[in-house]
PDB file of N, CA and C in Angstrom:
ATOM      1  N   MET A   1     104.590 113.333 101.309  1.00  0.00           N
ATOM      2  CA  MET A   1     103.855 111.993 100.564  1.00  0.00           C
ATOM      3  C   MET A   1     104.070 110.536 101.454  1.00  0.00           C
ATOM      4  N   ILE A   2     102.935 109.945 101.301  1.00  0.00           N
ATOM      5  CA  ILE A   2     102.983 108.607 101.846  1.00  0.00           C
ATOM      6  C   ILE A   2     103.878 107.777 100.797  1.00  0.00           C
ATOM      7  N   PRO A   3     105.203 106.874 101.147  1.00  0.00           N
ATOM      8  CA  PRO A   3     105.872 105.614 100.761  1.00  0.00           C
ATOM      9  C   PRO A   3     104.949 104.939 100.076  1.00  0.00           C
ATOM     10  N   GLN A   4     104.911 104.073  98.343  1.00  0.00           N
ATOM     11  CA  GLN A   4     103.761 103.282  98.877  1.00  0.00           C
ATOM     12  C   GLN A   4     103.917 102.220  99.630  1.00  0.00           C
ATOM     13  N   TYR A   5     104.810 101.644 100.019  1.00  0.00           N
ATOM     14  CA  TYR A   5     105.393 100.209 100.873  1.00  0.00           C
ATOM     15  C   TYR A   5     104.107 100.076 101.960  1.00  0.00           C
ATOM     16  N   LEU A   6     103.187 101.770 102.467  1.00  0.00           N
ATOM     17  CA  LEU A   6     102.131 101.587 103.696  1.00  0.00           C
ATOM     18  C   LEU A   6     100.733 101.476 102.834  1.00  0.00           C
ATOM     19  N   GLN A   7     100.740 101.549 101.908  1.00  0.00           N
ATOM     20  CA  GLN A   7      99.512 101.105 100.970  1.00  0.00           C
ATOM     21  C   GLN A   7      98.885 100.056 102.031  1.00  0.00           C
ATOM     22  N   PRO A   8      99.541  98.745 102.066  1.00  0.00           N
ATOM     23  CA  PRO A   8      98.436  97.544 102.888  1.00  0.00           C
ATOM     24  C   PRO A   8      97.904  98.158 104.026  1.00  0.00           C
ATOM     25  N   PHE A   9      98.510  98.661 104.375  1.00  0.00           N
ATOM     26  CA  PHE A   9      98.033  99.282 105.701  1.00  0.00           C
ATOM     27  C   PHE A   9      97.401 100.641 106.166  1.00  0.00           C
ATOM     28  N   LEU A  10      97.304 101.083 104.820  1.00  0.00           N
ATOM     29  CA  LEU A  10      96.105 102.425 104.720  1.00  0.00           C
ATOM     30  C   LEU A  10      95.082 101.678 103.516  1.00  0.00           C
ATOM     31  N   TRP A  11      94.543 100.500 103.353  1.00  0.00           N
ATOM     32  CA  TRP A  11      94.366  99.770 102.509  1.00  0.00           C
ATOM     33  C   TRP A  11      92.621 100.159 101.954  1.00  0.00           C
ATOM     34  N   SER A  12      92.097 100.921 102.471  1.00  0.00           N
ATOM     35  CA  SER A  12      90.690 101.386 102.545  1.00  0.00           C
ATOM     36  C   SER A  12      90.707 103.100 102.093  1.00  0.00           C
ATOM     37  N   SER A  13      91.970 103.409 101.881  1.00  0.00           N
ATOM     38  CA  SER A  13      92.632 104.815 101.092  1.00  0.00           C
ATOM     39  C   SER A  13      93.439 105.064  99.642  1.00  0.00           C
ATOM     40  N   ASP A  14      93.350 105.667  98.754  1.00  0.00           N
ATOM     41  CA  ASP A  14      94.061 105.947  98.079  1.00  0.00           C
ATOM     42  C   ASP A  14      95.437 106.889  98.702  1.00  0.00           C
ATOM     43  N   ILE A  15      97.046 106.297  99.214  1.00  0.00           N
ATOM     44  CA  ILE A  15      97.525 106.960  99.545  1.00  0.00           C
ATOM     45  C   ILE A  15      98.101 108.351  98.997  1.00  0.00           C
ATOM     46  N   SER A  16      97.866 108.454  97.451  1.00  0.00           N
ATOM     47  CA  SER A  16      97.872 109.256  96.555  1.00  0.00           C
ATOM     48  C   SER A  16      97.331 110.223  97.166  1.00  0.00           C
ATOM     49  N   LYS A  17      96.051 110.523  97.330  1.00  0.00           N
ATOM     50  CA  LYS A  17      95.248 111.647  98.379  1.00  0.00           C
ATOM     51  C   LYS A  17      95.335 111.956  99.420  1.00  0.00           C
ATOM     52  N   LEU A  18      95.772 111.045 100.731  1.00  0.00           N
ATOM     53  CA  LEU A  18      96.019 111.528 101.849  1.00  0.00           C
ATOM     54  C   LEU A  18      97.000 112.486 102.188  1.00  0.00           C
ATOM     55  N   ASP A  19      96.814 113.014 102.856  1.00  0.00           N
ATOM     56  CA  ASP A  19      97.517 114.327 103.692  1.00  0.00           C
ATOM     57  C   ASP A  19      98.090 113.875 104.913  1.00  0.00           C
ATOM     58  N   ILE A  20      99.127 114.227 105.335  1.00  0.00           N
ATOM     59  CA  ILE A  20      99.442 113.597 106.346  1.00  0.00           C
ATOM     60  C   ILE A  20      99.172 114.329 107.843  1.00  0.00           C
ATOM     61  N   ARG A  21      98.881 115.872 107.178  1.00  0.00           N
ATOM     62  CA  ARG A  21      97.914 116.466 108.156  1.00  0.00           C
ATOM     63  C   ARG A  21      96.801 116.558 108.315  1.00  0.00           C
ATOM     64  N   LYS A  22      96.117 115.921 107.535  1.00  0.00           N
ATOM     65  CA  LYS A  22      94.491 115.927 107.362  1.00  0.00           C
ATOM     66  C   LYS A  22      94.291 114.726 107.469  1.00  0.00           C
ATOM     67  N   ASN A  23      94.812 113.450 107.221  1.00  0.00           N
ATOM     68  CA  ASN A  23      94.676 112.732 107.191  1.00  0.00           C
ATOM     69  C   ASN A  23      94.970 111.865 109.021  1.00  0.00           C
ATOM     70  N   LYS A  24      95.910 112.909 109.486  1.00  0.00           N
ATOM     71  CA  LYS A  24      96.550 111.793 110.898  1.00  0.00           C
ATOM     72  C   LYS A  24      96.106 110.638 111.477  1.00  0.00           C
ATOM     73  N   LYS A  25      94.899 111.085 111.848  1.00  0.00           N
ATOM     74  CA  LYS A  25      94.526 109.988 113.101  1.00  0.00           C
ATOM     75  C   LYS A  25      94.281 108.898 111.821  1.00  0.00           C
ATOM     76  N   ARG A  26      93.537 108.983 111.074  1.00  0.00           N
ATOM     77  CA  ARG A  26      93.433 107.934 110.000  1.00  0.00           C
ATOM     78  C   ARG A  26      94.817 106.961 109.719  1.00  0.00           C
ATOM     79  N   ILE A  27      96.030 107.721 109.392  1.00  0.00           N
ATOM     80  CA  ILE A  27      96.769 107.443 108.767  1.00  0.00           C
ATOM     81  C   ILE A  27      97.888 106.816 110.504  1.00  0.00           C
ATOM     82  N   ILE A  28      97.897 107.190 111.512  1.00  0.00           N
ATOM     83  CA  ILE A  28      98.199 106.720 112.459  1.00  0.00           C
ATOM     84  C   ILE A  28      97.553 105.645 113.021  1.00  0.00           C
ATOM     85  N   THR A  29      96.403 105.396 113.543  1.00  0.00           N
ATOM     86  CA  THR A  29      95.854 104.410 113.633  1.00  0.00           C
ATOM     87  C   THR A  29      95.973 103.556 112.796  1.00  0.00           C
ATOM     88  N   ASN A  30      96.035 102.984 111.812  1.00  0.00           N
ATOM     89  CA  ASN A  30      96.140 102.140 110.554  1.00  0.00           C
ATOM     90  C   ASN A  30      97.194 101.216 110.663  1.00  0.00           C
ATOM     91  N   ILE A  31      98.456 102.514 110.666  1.00  0.00           N
ATOM     92  CA  ILE A  31      99.947 102.029 110.838  1.00  0.00           C
ATOM     93  C   ILE A  31     100.037 101.246 111.494  1.00  0.00           C
ATOM     94  N   LEU A  32      99.905 101.964 113.366  1.00  0.00           N
ATOM     95  CA  LEU A  32      99.769 100.846 115.142  1.00  0.00           C
ATOM     96  C   LEU A  32      99.055 100.022 114.686  1.00  0.00           C
ATOM     97  N   ASN A  33      97.669 100.226 113.658  1.00  0.00           N
ATOM     98  CA  ASN A  33      96.711  99.129 114.372  1.00  0.00           C
ATOM     99  C   ASN A  33      97.826  97.496 113.841  1.00  0.00           C
ATOM    100  N   LEU A  34      97.842  97.993 112.367  1.00  0.00           N
ATOM    101  CA  LEU A  34      98.571  96.964 111.207  1.00  0.00           C
ATOM    102  C   LEU A  34      99.497  97.361 110.732  1.00  0.00           C
ATOM    103  N   GLY A  35     100.465  97.628 111.210  1.00  0.00           N
ATOM    104  CA  GLY A  35     101.910  97.856 110.129  1.00  0.00           C
ATOM    105  C   GLY A  35     103.008  97.054 111.075  1.00  0.00           C
ATOM    106  N   ASP A  36     103.826  97.225 110.426  1.00  0.00           N
ATOM    107  CA  ASP A  36     105.414  96.351 110.392  1.00  0.00           C
ATOM    108  C   ASP A  36     106.397  97.483 111.206  1.00  0.00           C
ATOM    109  N   ARG A  37     107.089  96.858 111.282  1.00  0.00           N
ATOM    110  CA  ARG A  37     108.348  98.021 111.884  1.00  0.00           C
ATOM    111  C   ARG A  37     108.883  98.652 110.810  1.00  0.00           C
ATOM    112  N   ARG A  38     108.715  98.362 109.392  1.00  0.00           N
ATOM    113  CA  ARG A  38     109.024  99.479 108.341  1.00  0.00           C
ATOM    114  C   ARG A  38     108.177 100.593 108.979  1.00  0.00           C
ATOM    115  N   ALA A  39     106.814 100.577 108.555  1.00  0.00           N
ATOM    116  CA  ALA A  39     106.444 101.054 108.806  1.00  0.00           C
ATOM    117  C   ALA A  39     105.789 101.796 109.764  1.00  0.00           C
ATOM    118  N   THR A  40     105.909 101.275 111.172  1.00  0.00           N
ATOM    119  CA  THR A  40     106.074 102.539 112.649  1.00  0.00           C
ATOM    120  C   THR A  40     107.210 102.787 112.600  1.00  0.00           C
ATOM    121  N   ASP A  41     108.695 102.589 111.719  1.00  0.00           N
ATOM    122  CA  ASP A  41     109.655 103.725 111.795  1.00  0.00           C
ATOM    123  C   ASP A  41     109.644 104.563 110.793  1.00  0.00           C
ATOM    124  N   TRP A  42     108.589 104.559 109.467  1.00  0.00           N
ATOM    125  CA  TRP A  42     108.560 105.584 109.083  1.00  0.00           C
ATOM    126  C   TRP A  42     107.450 106.362 109.819  1.00  0.00           C
ATOM    127  N   LEU A  43     106.362 106.001 110.694  1.00  0.00           N
ATOM    128  CA  LEU A  43     105.793 106.669 110.963  1.00  0.00           C
ATOM    129  C   LEU A  43     105.768 107.891 112.508  1.00  0.00           C
ATOM    130  N   PHE A  44     106.870 106.896 112.886  1.00  0.00           N
ATOM    131  CA  PHE A  44     107.278 108.521 114.200  1.00  0.00           C
ATOM    132  C   PHE A  44     108.884 108.870 113.547  1.00  0.00           C
ATOM    133  N   GLY A  45     108.640 108.612 112.397  1.00  0.00           N
ATOM    134  CA  GLY A  45     110.014 110.035 111.542  1.00  0.00           C
ATOM    135  C   GLY A  45     109.195 110.344 110.860  1.00  0.00           C
ATOM    136  N   VAL A  46     107.891 110.660 110.860  1.00  0.00           N
ATOM    137  CA  VAL A  46     106.791 111.913 110.277  1.00  0.00           C
ATOM    138  C   VAL A  46     106.038 112.663 111.227  1.00  0.00           C
ATOM    139  N   TYR A  47     106.030 112.456 112.540  1.00  0.00           N
ATOM    140  CA  TYR A  47     104.880 112.290 113.346  1.00  0.00           C
ATOM    141  C   TYR A  47     105.444 112.556 114.508  1.00  0.00           C
ATOM    142  N   ASN A  48     105.455 113.407 115.692  1.00  0.00           N
ATOM    143  CA  ASN A  48     106.467 113.627 116.374  1.00  0.00           C
ATOM    144  C   ASN A  48     105.399 112.306 117.948  1.00  0.00           C
ATOM    145  N   LYS A  49     106.013 112.169 119.397  1.00  0.00           N
ATOM    146  CA  LYS A  49     105.974 111.092 119.667  1.00  0.00           C
ATOM    147  C   LYS A  49     103.913 111.155 120.599  1.00  0.00           C
ATOM    148  N   LYS A  50     104.201 112.736 120.735  1.00  0.00           N
ATOM    149  CA  LYS A  50     102.990 113.219 121.343  1.00  0.00           C
ATOM    150  C   LYS A  50     101.761 113.648 120.728  1.00  0.00           C
ATOM    151  N   GLU A  51     102.208 113.734 118.862  1.00  0.00           N
ATOM    152  CA  GLU A  51     101.098 113.415 118.021  1.00  0.00           C
ATOM    153  C   GLU A  51     100.501 111.775 118.513  1.00  0.00           C
ATOM    154  N   ILE A  52     101.227 111.102 118.451  1.00  0.00           N
ATOM    155  CA  ILE A  52     100.807 109.525 118.139  1.00  0.00           C
ATOM    156  C   ILE A  52     100.079 109.260 119.504  1.00  0.00           C
ATOM    157  N   LYS A  53     100.753 109.757 120.609  1.00  0.00           N
ATOM    158  CA  LYS A  53     100.143 109.256 121.931  1.00  0.00           C
ATOM    159  C   LYS A  53      98.954 110.050 121.874  1.00  0.00           C
ATOM    160  N   GLU A  54      98.994 111.402 121.837  1.00  0.00           N
ATOM    161  CA  GLU A  54      97.555 111.952 121.664  1.00  0.00           C
ATOM    162  C   GLU A  54      96.165 111.300 120.528  1.00  0.00           C
ATOM    163  N   VAL A  55      96.288 110.514 119.239  1.00  0.00           N
ATOM    164  CA  VAL A  55      96.071 109.439 118.825  1.00  0.00           C
ATOM    165  C   VAL A  55      95.540 108.084 119.770  1.00  0.00           C
ATOM    166  N   VAL A  56      96.263 107.803 119.855  1.00  0.00           N
ATOM    167  CA  VAL A  56      96.649 106.099 120.755  1.00  0.00           C
ATOM    168  C   VAL A  56      95.396 107.344 122.446  1.00  0.00           C
ATOM    169  N   SER A  57      95.596 107.850 122.838  1.00  0.00           N
ATOM    170  CA  SER A  57      94.778 108.391 124.121  1.00  0.00           C
ATOM    171  C   SER A  57      93.178 108.574 123.699  1.00  0.00           C
ATOM    172  N   ASP A  58      93.038 109.056 122.266  1.00  0.00           N
ATOM    173  CA  ASP A  58      91.470 108.888 122.145  1.00  0.00           C
ATOM    174  C   ASP A  58      91.097 108.653 120.943  1.00  0.00           C
ATOM    175  N   PHE A  59      91.539 106.953 120.939  1.00  0.00           N
ATOM    176  CA  PHE A  59      91.527 106.437 120.238  1.00  0.00           C
ATOM    177  C   PHE A  59      89.743 106.430 119.481  1.00  0.00           C
ATOM    178  N   LEU A  60      89.911 106.156 118.117  1.00  0.00           N
ATOM    179  CA  LEU A  60      88.722 106.147 117.184  1.00  0.00           C
ATOM    180  C   LEU A  60      87.606 104.612 117.898  1.00  0.00           C
ATOM    181  N   PRO A  61      86.695 105.368 118.001  1.00  0.00           N
ATOM    182  CA  PRO A  61      85.729 103.701 118.528  1.00  0.00           C
ATOM    183  C   PRO A  61      85.672 102.804 117.178  1.00  0.00           C
ATOM    184  N   GLY A  62      85.765 101.422 117.370  1.00  0.00           N
ATOM    185  CA  GLY A  62      85.165 100.045 116.156  1.00  0.00           C
ATOM    186  C   GLY A  62      86.437 100.176 115.626  1.00  0.00           C
ATOM    187  N   GLU A  63      88.104 100.561 115.635  1.00  0.00           N
ATOM    188  CA  GLU A  63      89.402 101.006 114.790  1.00  0.00           C
ATOM    189  C   GLU A  63      90.323 100.467 114.764  1.00  0.00           C
ATOM    190  N   TRP A  64      90.446 100.046 116.359  1.00  0.00           N
ATOM    191  CA  TRP A  64      91.586  99.022 116.530  1.00  0.00           C
ATOM    192  C   TRP A  64      90.863  97.526 117.347  1.00  0.00           C
ATOM    193  N   ASN A  65      91.907  96.671 116.996  1.00  0.00           N
ATOM    194  CA  ASN A  65      91.797  95.829 117.621  1.00  0.00           C
ATOM    195  C   ASN A  65      92.094  95.062 119.255  1.00  0.00           C
ATOM    196  N   LYS A  66      91.888  94.528 120.058  1.00  0.00           N
ATOM    197  CA  LYS A  66      92.190  95.069 121.519  1.00  0.00           C
ATOM    198  C   LYS A  66      94.002  94.946 121.820  1.00  0.00           C
ATOM    199  N   LYS A  67      94.829  93.999 121.424  1.00  0.00           N
ATOM    200  CA  LYS A  67      95.966  93.673 121.195  1.00  0.00           C
ATOM    201  C   LYS A  67      96.564  94.466 120.873  1.00  0.00           C
ATOM    202  N   SER A  68      96.466  95.285 119.866  1.00  0.00           N
ATOM    203  CA  SER A  68      97.444  96.553 119.410  1.00  0.00           C
ATOM    204  C   SER A  68      97.219  97.876 120.164  1.00  0.00           C
ATOM    205  N   LEU A  69      96.249  97.576 120.326  1.00  0.00           N
ATOM    206  CA  LEU A  69      95.504  98.702 121.407  1.00  0.00           C
ATOM    207  C   LEU A  69      96.479  99.031 122.816  1.00  0.00           C
ATOM    208  N   ASN A  70      96.567  97.703 123.000  1.00  0.00           N
ATOM    209  CA  ASN A  70      96.589  97.415 124.707  1.00  0.00           C
ATOM    210  C   ASN A  70      98.118  97.297 124.752  1.00  0.00           C
ATOM    211  N   PHE A  71      98.793  97.473 123.932  1.00  0.00           N
ATOM    212  CA  PHE A  71     100.541  97.466 123.043  1.00  0.00           C
ATOM    213  C   PHE A  71     100.900  98.965 123.143  1.00  0.00           C
ATOM    214  N   TRP A  72     100.263  99.084 122.606  1.00  0.00           N
ATOM    215  CA  TRP A  72     100.671 100.744 121.889  1.00  0.00           C
ATOM    216  C   TRP A  72     100.410 101.691 123.886  1.00  0.00           C
ATOM    217  N   ARG A  73      98.731 101.607 124.255  1.00  0.00           N
ATOM    218  CA  ARG A  73      98.581 102.573 125.213  1.00  0.00           C
ATOM    219  C   ARG A  73     100.342 101.896 126.548  1.00  0.00           C
ATOM    220  N   LEU A  74     100.415 100.579 126.464  1.00  0.00           N
ATOM    221  CA  LEU A  74     101.317 100.293 127.730  1.00  0.00           C
ATOM    222  C   LEU A  74     102.754 101.243 126.869  1.00  0.00           C
ATOM    223  N   PHE A  75     103.092 100.810 125.620  1.00  0.00           N
ATOM    224  CA  PHE A  75     104.115 101.611 125.318  1.00  0.00           C
ATOM    225  C   PHE A  75     104.196 103.520 125.424  1.00  0.00           C
ATOM    226  N   PHE A  76     103.267 103.385 125.293  1.00  0.00           N
ATOM    227  CA  PHE A  76     103.072 105.506 125.921  1.00  0.00           C
ATOM    228  C   PHE A  76     102.790 105.941 127.299  1.00  0.00           C
ATOM    229  N   GLY A  77     102.333 104.595 127.964  1.00  0.00           N
ATOM    230  CA  GLY A  77     102.162 104.829 129.487  1.00  0.00           C
ATOM    231  C   GLY A  77     100.807 104.918 129.719  1.00  0.00           C
ATOM    232  N   ILE A  78     100.192 105.075 128.683  1.00  0.00           N
ATOM    233  CA  ILE A  78      98.313 105.895 128.737  1.00  0.00           C
ATOM    234  C   ILE A  78      97.215 104.475 129.789  1.00  0.00           C
ATOM    235  N   THR A  79      96.975 104.974 130.987  1.00  0.00           N
ATOM    236  CA  THR A  79      96.781 104.467 131.919  1.00  0.00           C
ATOM    237  C   THR A  79      95.639 104.163 132.686  1.00  0.00           C
ATOM    238  N   SER A  80      94.626 105.912 131.963  1.00  0.00           N
ATOM    239  CA  SER A  80      93.857 106.236 131.894  1.00  0.00           C
ATOM    240  C   SER A  80      92.360 105.531 130.846  1.00  0.00           C
ATOM    241  N   GLY A  81      91.258 106.010 130.922  1.00  0.00           N
ATOM    242  CA  GLY A  81      90.501 105.377 130.519  1.00  0.00           C
ATOM    243  C   GLY A  81      89.859 104.249 130.181  1.00  0.00           C
ATOM    244  N   LYS A  82      88.114 103.932 129.741  1.00  0.00           N
ATOM    245  CA  LYS A  82      88.027 102.564 130.094  1.00  0.00           C
ATOM    246  C   LYS A  82      88.044 102.225 128.027  1.00  0.00           C
ATOM    247  N   ILE A  83      88.545 101.285 127.403  1.00  0.00           N
ATOM    248  CA  ILE A  83      88.659 100.466 126.362  1.00  0.00           C
ATOM    249  C   ILE A  83      87.662  99.549 125.396  1.00  0.00           C
ATOM    250  N   GLU A  84      87.159  98.750 126.640  1.00  0.00           N
ATOM    251  CA  GLU A  84      86.823  97.798 126.484  1.00  0.00           C
ATOM    252  C   GLU A  84      85.146  97.509 125.645  1.00  0.00           C
ATOM    253  N   THR A  85      84.867  98.889 125.703  1.00  0.00           N
ATOM    254  CA  THR A  85      83.496  99.002 124.891  1.00  0.00           C
ATOM    255  C   THR A  85      83.993  99.679 124.024  1.00  0.00           C
ATOM    256  N   ARG A  86      84.735 100.539 123.260  1.00  0.00           N
ATOM    257  CA  ARG A  86      84.858 100.747 121.363  1.00  0.00           C
ATOM    258  C   ARG A  86      86.468  99.991 121.340  1.00  0.00           C
ATOM    259  N   ILE A  87      86.096  99.047 121.063  1.00  0.00           N
ATOM    260  CA  ILE A  87      87.741  98.378 120.350  1.00  0.00           C
ATOM    261  C   ILE A  87      86.618  96.916 119.749  1.00  0.00           C
ATOM    262  N   ILE A  88      87.314  96.636 119.020  1.00  0.00           N
ATOM    263  CA  ILE A  88      86.512  94.908 118.020  1.00  0.00           C
ATOM    264  C   ILE A  88      87.455  94.535 118.404  1.00  0.00           C
ATOM    265  N   PRO A  89      86.984  92.913 118.965  1.00  0.00           N
ATOM    266  CA  PRO A  89      88.035  91.721 119.020  1.00  0.00           C
ATOM    267  C   PRO A  89      88.789  91.373 118.583  1.00  0.00           C
ATOM    268  N   THR A  90      89.412  90.708 119.041  1.00  0.00           N
ATOM    269  CA  THR A  90      90.331  90.155 118.308  1.00  0.00           C
ATOM    270  C   THR A  90      90.351  88.562 117.801  1.00  0.00           C
TER     271      THR A  90
END
């Protein structure tokens, strides 16, 4: 179950209908892109680092702001791939 305090970061979805497995990419992307410390703490408690890193590595086009994506790529040591053409400007 997804806590109510995550609703602002998953604003386009009804969190009562999200499934943490089926909607993994959406949840991880939104929380890493928009979330606060409490939200990311929850995220790292639900998903392991490998799962989260995979989502950051295979990011959804148009879903990330440049600063967030760059931060998480540095955090996970992701150095390969071009990102400039698939992100939204900040």
